[in-house]
Amino acid sequence: MAARTIAIYGKGGIGKSFTTTNLSATFALMNKRVLQLGCDPKHDSTTSLFGGIPLPTVTDVFAERNALNQQVLISDIVFRREIADFPQPIYGIELGGPQVGRGCGGRGIISGFDTLEKLGIFSWDIDLILMDFLGDVVCGGFATPLARSLSEEVILVTNNDRQSIFTANNICQANNYFRTIGGESRLLGLIINRDDGSGIAEKYAEAAGISVLMKVPYSADARDKDDSFDFAVRLPEIRDKFQKLAREILEDAITPCEAGGLDFMSFVRLFGDVSSDAPVPATSEELFGRKEGSFSGGQATEISSIEGDNLKINRCIEKLTAEEREVYRMKEQEKKSFTEIAELTHREESVVQELFSSARTQLKRLFFEN
C-alpha cells in the first residue's frame, strides 16, 4: 500500500518544522511508520526529530557522488532513529539546497524529488510521508508537490500575524490553481501555531473558507522541549491536540476545503480600511534631475517579458480537442455543473465527466511539457 503523503506549508520561523516534527512523533507513537521529508534549504526540519543530529542532505550527497561518477543509494540519504518509548522508528530525509547566493533553492527541490523518485520513495513500506515545506518562496520548485500531485493532502501552518497568513493564502491560491489543470492535492485546513487568542488567523480562515484544524497556544515548556531537541508532545496539553488531529487524519474525518484563497485587496481589507486613491506616479524628470546623459525619459525602453501562467494555460486549452475544450470551459470558466453541461451539449452526463477528466489530464501534460 502506497504511503499517505501530506505537505505542510508555512512561512519560515513560525513553527512549521515544530508542527511537522511533533505530528511525525505522534503518528510514530500510534505505531505508524513515518518518514519526515525536510524541503527547506535551511535543512533543519529533522534536527529535533533526530535528537539534534543534522542529516546529510540529498543535494550535498548527490554532488559528491556525481563528482565520483557514483550512484546515490538509499542508505546515503535516508536515516532512521530508534526512540526508547516509541513502538516504531522514525525516518528522515533532508533535501537541502545551495549555499546562500549560490544557486536556486527551488531547483534543488525539483532535483531532490527526481532523485527520490528514482529510488522509489513512493513504493517504500511507509505509512505516512510528511513533507515540511517552506512557503515564503513562490517559485515553481517549492510548489512541486502541488504541481505534480506528489502530496495527497496539504496543511497550512500560520501564526496570528499578517505575513504568515499572507503566506498561507499564497499556498492556498497555488493549490487551487494547480487543481484547475489536473492537480489532485486536497487542502485539509489550517493550523494556528503560537495562538495568542487574538482570532486574526481564524478571521482569515472564515473569510477564505478554510477549516481550522488545530490551535496550539504559545508554551514556554514546548519551546524548551524543541530547543533541547525533544518532542513537545511529551507535554500532555500539547500531546492531546496533536493526537486528536492525527486520529482525524487517519480516520479521514476531515472534509477537504474547496477554498481558492483571497485576492490581494480582499486579503488586505481583513486588516483595516484600504484607500481607493490611485498612487501618484513619479516622472523621469524628477528622478533624473540635472544628470546629463544619453537617456531620454520619453523614449520607450524595450523590456522582455515572460509569458504569464494565465496566458500559458489558455494556450494549452486551445490544443485540446474541440469537445474537451467546450466541456472544460463550461465547467471551469462558466462554473456549470456536469448535469447542466450534459443538457446544453446533448451528451450523457458520464460522457461529459469523461471529457472533463481527459481535458484536465491533457492540460497537466501540456502545461508542464511546454
Protein backbone atom coordinates (compact mmCIF):
# COMPACT_ATOMS: atom_id res chain seq x y z
CA MET A 1 0.00 0.00 0.00
CA ALA A 2 1.41 3.39 -1.01
CA ALA A 3 2.32 5.86 1.70
CA ARG A 4 -0.09 8.66 2.51
CA THR A 5 1.59 11.95 1.61
CA ILE A 6 0.95 15.26 3.36
CA ALA A 7 2.67 18.56 2.53
CA ILE A 8 2.88 21.01 5.43
CA TYR A 9 3.46 24.59 4.29
CA GLY A 10 4.21 27.71 6.25
CA LYS A 11 6.29 30.85 6.47
CA GLY A 12 9.81 30.39 7.78
CA GLY A 13 10.19 30.88 11.52
CA ILE A 14 6.56 30.35 12.61
CA GLY A 15 6.92 26.79 13.88
CA LYS A 16 6.31 24.84 10.67
CA SER A 17 9.07 22.32 11.42
CA PHE A 18 7.96 22.20 15.06
CA THR A 19 4.46 21.27 13.89
CA THR A 20 5.68 18.70 11.37
CA THR A 21 8.09 17.08 13.81
CA ASN A 22 5.52 16.70 16.57
CA LEU A 23 2.94 15.35 14.14
CA SER A 24 5.53 12.81 12.91
CA ALA A 25 6.25 11.83 16.51
CA THR A 26 2.53 11.47 17.23
CA PHE A 27 1.99 9.14 14.26
CA ALA A 28 5.02 7.06 15.31
CA LEU A 29 3.63 6.78 18.85
CA MET A 30 0.43 5.49 17.21
CA ASN A 31 2.52 2.66 15.72
CA LYS A 32 2.71 4.17 12.22
CA ARG A 33 5.84 4.09 10.07
CA VAL A 34 6.62 7.74 9.37
CA LEU A 35 9.08 9.48 7.07
CA GLN A 36 9.67 13.21 7.54
CA LEU A 37 10.98 14.93 4.42
CA GLY A 38 12.59 18.31 5.01
CA CYS A 39 12.04 20.54 1.95
CA ASP A 40 13.66 23.75 3.16
CA PRO A 41 17.17 24.86 2.04
CA LYS A 42 18.00 25.51 5.72
CA HIS A 43 17.80 21.69 6.08
CA ASP A 44 16.84 21.84 9.76
CA SER A 45 13.43 20.17 9.63
CA THR A 46 14.59 16.86 11.12
CA THR A 47 17.07 18.18 13.70
CA SER A 48 14.69 17.77 16.64
CA LEU A 49 13.36 14.54 15.16
CA PHE A 50 16.88 13.10 15.34
CA GLY A 51 17.80 14.45 18.76
CA GLY A 52 19.99 17.27 17.47
CA ILE A 53 21.86 15.27 14.81
CA PRO A 54 21.94 17.10 11.44
CA LEU A 55 21.34 14.82 8.46
CA PRO A 56 23.43 14.84 5.25
CA THR A 57 21.31 16.40 2.52
CA VAL A 58 20.29 14.93 -0.81
CA THR A 59 21.78 17.98 -2.55
CA ASP A 60 25.22 17.54 -0.96
CA VAL A 61 25.33 13.77 -1.30
CA PHE A 62 24.25 13.92 -4.93
CA ALA A 63 27.01 16.44 -5.71
CA GLU A 64 29.64 14.26 -4.01
CA ARG A 65 28.51 11.04 -5.70
CA ASN A 66 28.14 12.73 -9.07
CA ALA A 67 31.71 14.06 -8.88
CA LEU A 68 32.89 10.46 -8.36
CA ASN A 69 30.52 9.11 -11.03
CA GLN A 70 28.72 7.04 -8.37
CA GLN A 71 25.03 6.38 -7.83
CA VAL A 72 23.19 7.74 -4.78
CA LEU A 73 21.95 4.91 -2.56
CA ILE A 74 19.02 4.91 -0.15
CA SER A 75 21.43 4.44 2.75
CA ASP A 76 23.26 7.63 1.72
CA ILE A 77 20.28 9.92 2.27
CA VAL A 78 17.60 8.12 4.33
CA PHE A 79 18.19 7.82 8.07
CA ARG A 80 16.32 6.20 10.96
CA ARG A 81 16.13 6.85 14.66
CA GLU A 82 15.08 4.34 17.31
CA ILE A 83 13.50 6.04 20.32
CA ALA A 84 13.18 4.01 23.51
CA ASP A 85 9.48 4.63 24.22
CA PHE A 86 8.33 4.66 20.58
CA PRO A 87 6.85 1.47 19.05
CA GLN A 88 8.20 2.43 15.59
CA PRO A 89 11.44 4.03 14.40
CA ILE A 90 11.22 7.42 12.71
CA TYR A 91 12.77 8.03 9.28
CA GLY A 92 14.12 11.30 7.95
CA ILE A 93 15.45 12.91 4.78
CA GLU A 94 16.68 16.45 4.18
CA LEU A 95 16.63 17.69 0.59
CA GLY A 96 18.82 20.68 1.41
CA GLY A 97 19.77 23.34 -1.10
CA PRO A 98 22.57 25.60 -2.33
CA GLN A 99 24.56 27.93 -0.13
CA VAL A 100 23.18 31.44 0.14
CA GLY A 101 23.57 33.35 -3.12
CA ARG A 102 25.00 30.35 -5.00
CA GLY A 103 22.01 28.76 -6.63
CA CYS A 104 18.26 28.29 -6.80
CA GLY A 105 16.62 26.58 -3.82
CA GLY A 106 13.58 25.69 -5.92
CA ARG A 107 15.73 23.93 -8.49
CA GLY A 108 17.28 21.95 -5.63
CA ILE A 109 13.81 20.82 -4.53
CA ILE A 110 12.97 19.60 -8.03
CA SER A 111 16.30 17.74 -8.37
CA GLY A 112 15.87 16.23 -4.92
CA PHE A 113 12.44 14.84 -5.75
CA ASP A 114 13.79 13.45 -9.04
CA THR A 115 16.45 11.55 -7.07
CA LEU A 116 13.95 10.24 -4.51
CA GLU A 117 11.52 9.09 -7.18
CA LYS A 118 14.31 7.16 -8.90
CA LEU A 119 14.94 5.46 -5.55
CA GLY A 120 11.24 4.50 -5.37
CA ILE A 121 10.22 6.68 -2.40
CA PHE A 122 6.51 6.29 -3.06
CA SER A 123 6.83 2.48 -3.06
CA TRP A 124 8.63 2.17 0.28
CA ASP A 125 7.00 0.37 3.21
CA ILE A 126 5.99 3.64 4.91
CA ASP A 127 2.57 4.61 6.25
CA LEU A 128 2.93 8.39 6.06
CA ILE A 129 5.32 10.84 4.41
CA LEU A 130 5.18 14.33 5.93
CA MET A 131 6.79 16.97 3.70
CA ASP A 132 7.96 20.05 5.60
CA PHE A 133 7.84 22.85 3.01
CA LEU A 134 8.96 26.46 3.12
CA GLY A 135 6.02 28.60 1.99
CA ASP A 136 7.67 32.03 1.63
CA VAL A 137 9.14 31.34 -1.79
CA VAL A 138 6.66 31.27 -4.65
CA CYS A 139 8.88 29.83 -7.39
CA GLY A 140 7.81 26.59 -9.06
CA GLY A 141 10.28 24.36 -7.23
CA PHE A 142 8.61 24.86 -3.87
CA ALA A 143 5.23 24.12 -5.45
CA THR A 144 6.47 20.72 -6.69
CA PRO A 145 4.18 18.57 -4.51
CA LEU A 146 1.16 20.61 -5.62
CA ALA A 147 2.09 20.89 -9.29
CA ARG A 148 2.83 17.18 -9.63
CA SER A 149 0.27 15.94 -7.08
CA LEU A 150 3.05 14.31 -5.05
CA SER A 151 1.20 15.25 -1.87
CA GLU A 152 -2.33 13.90 -1.49
CA GLU A 153 -3.12 16.48 1.15
CA VAL A 154 -1.94 19.94 2.20
CA ILE A 155 -1.91 21.54 5.64
CA LEU A 156 -1.14 25.23 6.15
CA VAL A 157 0.61 26.47 9.30
CA THR A 158 0.36 30.09 10.39
CA ASN A 159 0.54 32.44 13.37
CA ASN A 160 -1.78 35.35 14.00
CA ASP A 161 0.39 37.84 12.10
CA ARG A 162 -0.39 39.21 8.65
CA GLN A 163 2.77 37.98 6.92
CA SER A 164 2.39 34.33 7.92
CA ILE A 165 -1.31 34.44 6.98
CA PHE A 166 -0.38 36.03 3.64
CA THR A 167 1.99 33.12 3.00
CA ALA A 168 -0.78 30.63 3.80
CA ASN A 169 -3.10 32.46 1.41
CA ASN A 170 -0.48 32.25 -1.36
CA ILE A 171 -0.20 28.49 -0.95
CA CYS A 172 -4.00 28.16 -0.92
CA GLN A 173 -4.16 30.09 -4.21
CA ALA A 174 -1.38 28.00 -5.72
CA ASN A 175 -3.07 24.72 -4.81
CA ASN A 176 -6.36 25.95 -6.23
CA TYR A 177 -4.63 26.97 -9.45
CA PHE A 178 -2.98 23.57 -9.94
CA ARG A 179 -6.30 21.85 -9.28
CA THR A 180 -7.76 23.65 -12.31
CA ILE A 181 -5.15 21.97 -14.54
CA GLY A 182 -5.40 18.47 -13.14
CA GLY A 183 -3.73 18.73 -9.72
CA GLU A 184 -5.18 16.42 -7.09
CA SER A 185 -3.74 17.73 -3.79
CA ARG A 186 -6.55 18.39 -1.30
CA LEU A 187 -6.37 21.22 1.22
CA LEU A 188 -7.22 19.84 4.67
CA GLY A 189 -7.05 23.14 6.50
CA LEU A 190 -5.07 25.46 8.73
CA ILE A 191 -3.07 25.02 11.95
CA ILE A 192 -2.61 28.12 14.11
CA ASN A 193 0.67 27.81 15.99
CA ARG A 194 1.62 30.00 18.97
CA ASP A 195 -2.01 31.08 19.17
CA ASP A 196 -2.32 34.29 21.19
CA GLY A 197 -6.11 34.28 21.23
CA SER A 198 -6.40 37.36 19.01
CA GLY A 199 -8.50 35.47 16.43
CA ILE A 200 -6.78 37.09 13.44
CA ALA A 201 -5.96 33.80 11.67
CA GLU A 202 -9.46 32.50 12.41
CA LYS A 203 -10.94 35.64 10.84
CA TYR A 204 -8.91 34.96 7.69
CA ALA A 205 -9.83 31.27 7.65
CA GLU A 206 -13.55 32.09 7.86
CA ALA A 207 -13.29 34.63 5.03
CA ALA A 208 -11.30 32.25 2.83
CA GLY A 209 -13.40 29.16 3.59
CA ILE A 210 -10.56 27.22 5.20
CA SER A 211 -11.09 24.91 8.19
CA VAL A 212 -9.06 25.50 11.34
CA LEU A 213 -7.67 22.05 12.20
CA MET A 214 -5.83 22.85 15.42
CA LYS A 215 -4.81 25.79 17.59
CA VAL A 216 -1.55 25.38 19.53
CA PRO A 217 -1.07 28.01 22.25
CA TYR A 218 2.33 29.54 22.93
CA SER A 219 4.09 27.48 25.58
CA ALA A 220 7.49 28.19 27.12
CA ASP A 221 7.71 24.50 28.08
CA ALA A 222 7.04 23.45 24.48
CA ARG A 223 9.69 25.88 23.28
CA ASP A 224 12.18 24.44 25.77
CA LYS A 225 11.45 20.91 24.53
CA ASP A 226 12.07 21.99 20.95
CA ASP A 227 15.24 23.90 21.85
CA SER A 228 16.61 20.79 23.57
CA PHE A 229 15.77 18.61 20.52
CA ASP A 230 12.94 16.80 22.25
CA PHE A 231 9.24 16.45 21.41
CA ALA A 232 6.68 18.91 22.70
CA VAL A 233 4.06 16.13 22.51
CA ARG A 234 5.59 14.74 25.70
CA LEU A 235 3.65 17.58 27.37
CA PRO A 236 0.02 16.48 27.99
CA GLU A 237 -1.55 19.77 26.85
CA ILE A 238 0.33 19.59 23.54
CA ARG A 239 0.04 15.81 23.11
CA ASP A 240 -3.76 15.86 23.33
CA LYS A 241 -4.08 18.37 20.48
CA PHE A 242 -1.72 16.50 18.16
CA GLN A 243 -3.31 13.12 18.94
CA LYS A 244 -6.75 14.48 18.10
CA LEU A 245 -5.52 15.84 14.75
CA ALA A 246 -3.60 12.65 13.94
CA ARG A 247 -6.67 10.49 14.61
CA GLU A 248 -8.84 12.72 12.42
CA ILE A 249 -6.32 12.42 9.58
CA LEU A 250 -6.03 8.63 9.87
CA GLU A 251 -9.81 8.20 10.10
CA ASP A 252 -10.45 10.53 7.12
CA ALA A 253 -12.64 12.61 9.41
CA ILE A 254 -11.54 15.91 7.85
CA THR A 255 -13.52 17.24 4.91
CA PRO A 256 -11.09 18.88 2.43
CA CYS A 257 -11.60 22.59 1.77
CA GLU A 258 -12.58 23.95 -1.63
CA ALA A 259 -11.04 27.34 -0.83
CA GLY A 260 -9.34 29.26 -3.62
CA GLY A 261 -7.75 31.86 -1.35
CA LEU A 262 -8.44 35.59 -1.24
CA ASP A 263 -7.33 38.11 -3.86
CA PHE A 264 -4.92 40.78 -2.64
CA MET A 265 -7.47 43.52 -1.99
CA SER A 266 -9.85 41.18 -0.17
CA PHE A 267 -6.94 39.98 1.92
CA VAL A 268 -5.62 43.38 3.00
CA ARG A 269 -9.14 44.61 3.80
CA LEU A 270 -9.26 41.99 6.56
CA PHE A 271 -6.70 44.06 8.45
CA GLY A 272 -8.17 47.53 8.03
CA ASP A 273 -9.51 50.15 5.63
CA VAL A 274 -7.79 50.34 2.27
CA SER A 275 -7.67 53.59 0.33
CA SER A 276 -9.18 53.64 -3.15
CA ASP A 277 -6.94 56.54 -4.20
CA ALA A 278 -4.64 55.97 -7.15
CA PRO A 279 -0.89 56.14 -6.40
CA VAL A 280 0.94 59.28 -7.52
CA PRO A 281 3.28 58.46 -10.43
CA ALA A 282 6.86 59.67 -10.45
CA THR A 283 8.27 61.34 -13.56
CA SER A 284 11.56 60.77 -15.34
CA GLU A 285 12.36 64.49 -14.95
CA GLU A 286 12.22 64.41 -11.15
CA LEU A 287 14.19 61.17 -10.94
CA PHE A 288 16.95 62.10 -13.37
CA GLY A 289 17.02 65.74 -12.32
CA ARG A 290 20.04 67.55 -13.70
CA LYS A 291 22.04 64.43 -14.56
CA GLU A 292 23.44 64.52 -18.06
CA GLY A 293 23.42 61.51 -20.29
CA SER A 294 22.03 59.98 -23.40
CA PHE A 295 18.93 58.59 -21.70
CA SER A 296 15.70 60.05 -22.99
CA GLY A 297 12.94 59.98 -20.40
CA GLY A 298 10.28 59.84 -23.08
CA GLN A 299 11.93 57.05 -25.02
CA ALA A 300 10.24 53.72 -24.58
CA THR A 301 12.50 51.03 -23.18
CA GLU A 302 12.02 47.59 -24.60
CA ILE A 303 11.51 45.06 -21.80
CA SER A 304 11.47 41.35 -22.40
CA SER A 305 8.51 39.67 -20.73
CA ILE A 306 7.85 36.14 -19.53
CA GLU A 307 4.62 34.50 -20.55
CA GLY A 308 2.25 34.54 -17.60
CA ASP A 309 0.62 31.39 -16.29
CA ASN A 310 -2.83 32.52 -17.39
CA LEU A 311 -1.66 33.08 -20.95
CA LYS A 312 0.10 29.73 -20.93
CA ILE A 313 -2.92 27.80 -19.69
CA ASN A 314 -5.12 29.47 -22.32
CA ARG A 315 -2.66 28.41 -24.99
CA CYS A 316 -2.77 24.85 -23.66
CA ILE A 317 -6.59 24.88 -23.68
CA GLU A 318 -6.51 25.70 -27.40
CA LYS A 319 -4.60 22.45 -28.00
CA LEU A 320 -7.40 20.30 -26.59
CA THR A 321 -9.91 18.63 -28.87
CA ALA A 322 -13.00 20.72 -29.62
CA GLU A 323 -15.17 18.54 -27.36
CA GLU A 324 -12.69 18.64 -24.45
CA ARG A 325 -12.25 22.39 -24.84
CA GLU A 326 -16.00 23.00 -24.81
CA VAL A 327 -16.64 20.92 -21.69
CA TYR A 328 -13.58 22.25 -19.82
CA ARG A 329 -14.52 25.89 -20.41
CA MET A 330 -18.13 25.33 -19.39
CA LYS A 331 -17.05 23.57 -16.20
CA GLU A 332 -14.04 25.67 -15.09
CA GLN A 333 -14.75 29.09 -16.57
CA GLU A 334 -18.54 29.22 -16.61
CA LYS A 335 -18.85 27.13 -13.41
CA LYS A 336 -21.63 24.94 -14.77
CA SER A 337 -22.43 21.55 -13.25
CA PHE A 338 -21.97 18.28 -15.16
CA THR A 339 -25.76 17.97 -15.36
CA GLU A 340 -26.13 21.43 -16.89
CA ILE A 341 -23.34 20.76 -19.39
CA ALA A 342 -24.94 17.45 -20.40
CA GLU A 343 -28.25 19.19 -21.06
CA LEU A 344 -26.68 22.06 -23.01
CA THR A 345 -24.43 19.85 -25.16
CA HIS A 346 -26.91 16.98 -25.58
CA ARG A 347 -24.49 14.41 -24.18
CA GLU A 348 -24.76 11.79 -21.46
CA GLU A 349 -23.50 13.08 -18.12
CA SER A 350 -20.98 10.23 -17.92
CA VAL A 351 -19.56 11.30 -21.28
CA VAL A 352 -19.26 14.89 -20.06
CA GLN A 353 -17.35 13.72 -16.98
CA GLU A 354 -15.00 11.62 -19.12
CA LEU A 355 -14.31 14.56 -21.44
CA PHE A 356 -13.60 16.83 -18.47
CA SER A 357 -11.27 14.28 -16.89
CA SER A 358 -9.45 13.82 -20.20
CA ALA A 359 -9.15 17.60 -20.62
CA ARG A 360 -7.56 18.02 -17.19
CA THR A 361 -5.11 15.19 -17.83
CA GLN A 362 -4.10 16.68 -21.19
CA LEU A 363 -3.77 20.17 -19.74
CA LYS A 364 -1.50 18.96 -16.98
CA ARG A 365 0.75 17.23 -19.53
CA LEU A 366 0.77 20.19 -21.93
CA PHE A 367 1.42 22.74 -19.18
CA PHE A 368 4.49 21.03 -17.77
CA GLU A 369 5.91 19.82 -21.08
CA ASN A 370 5.90 23.24 -22.69
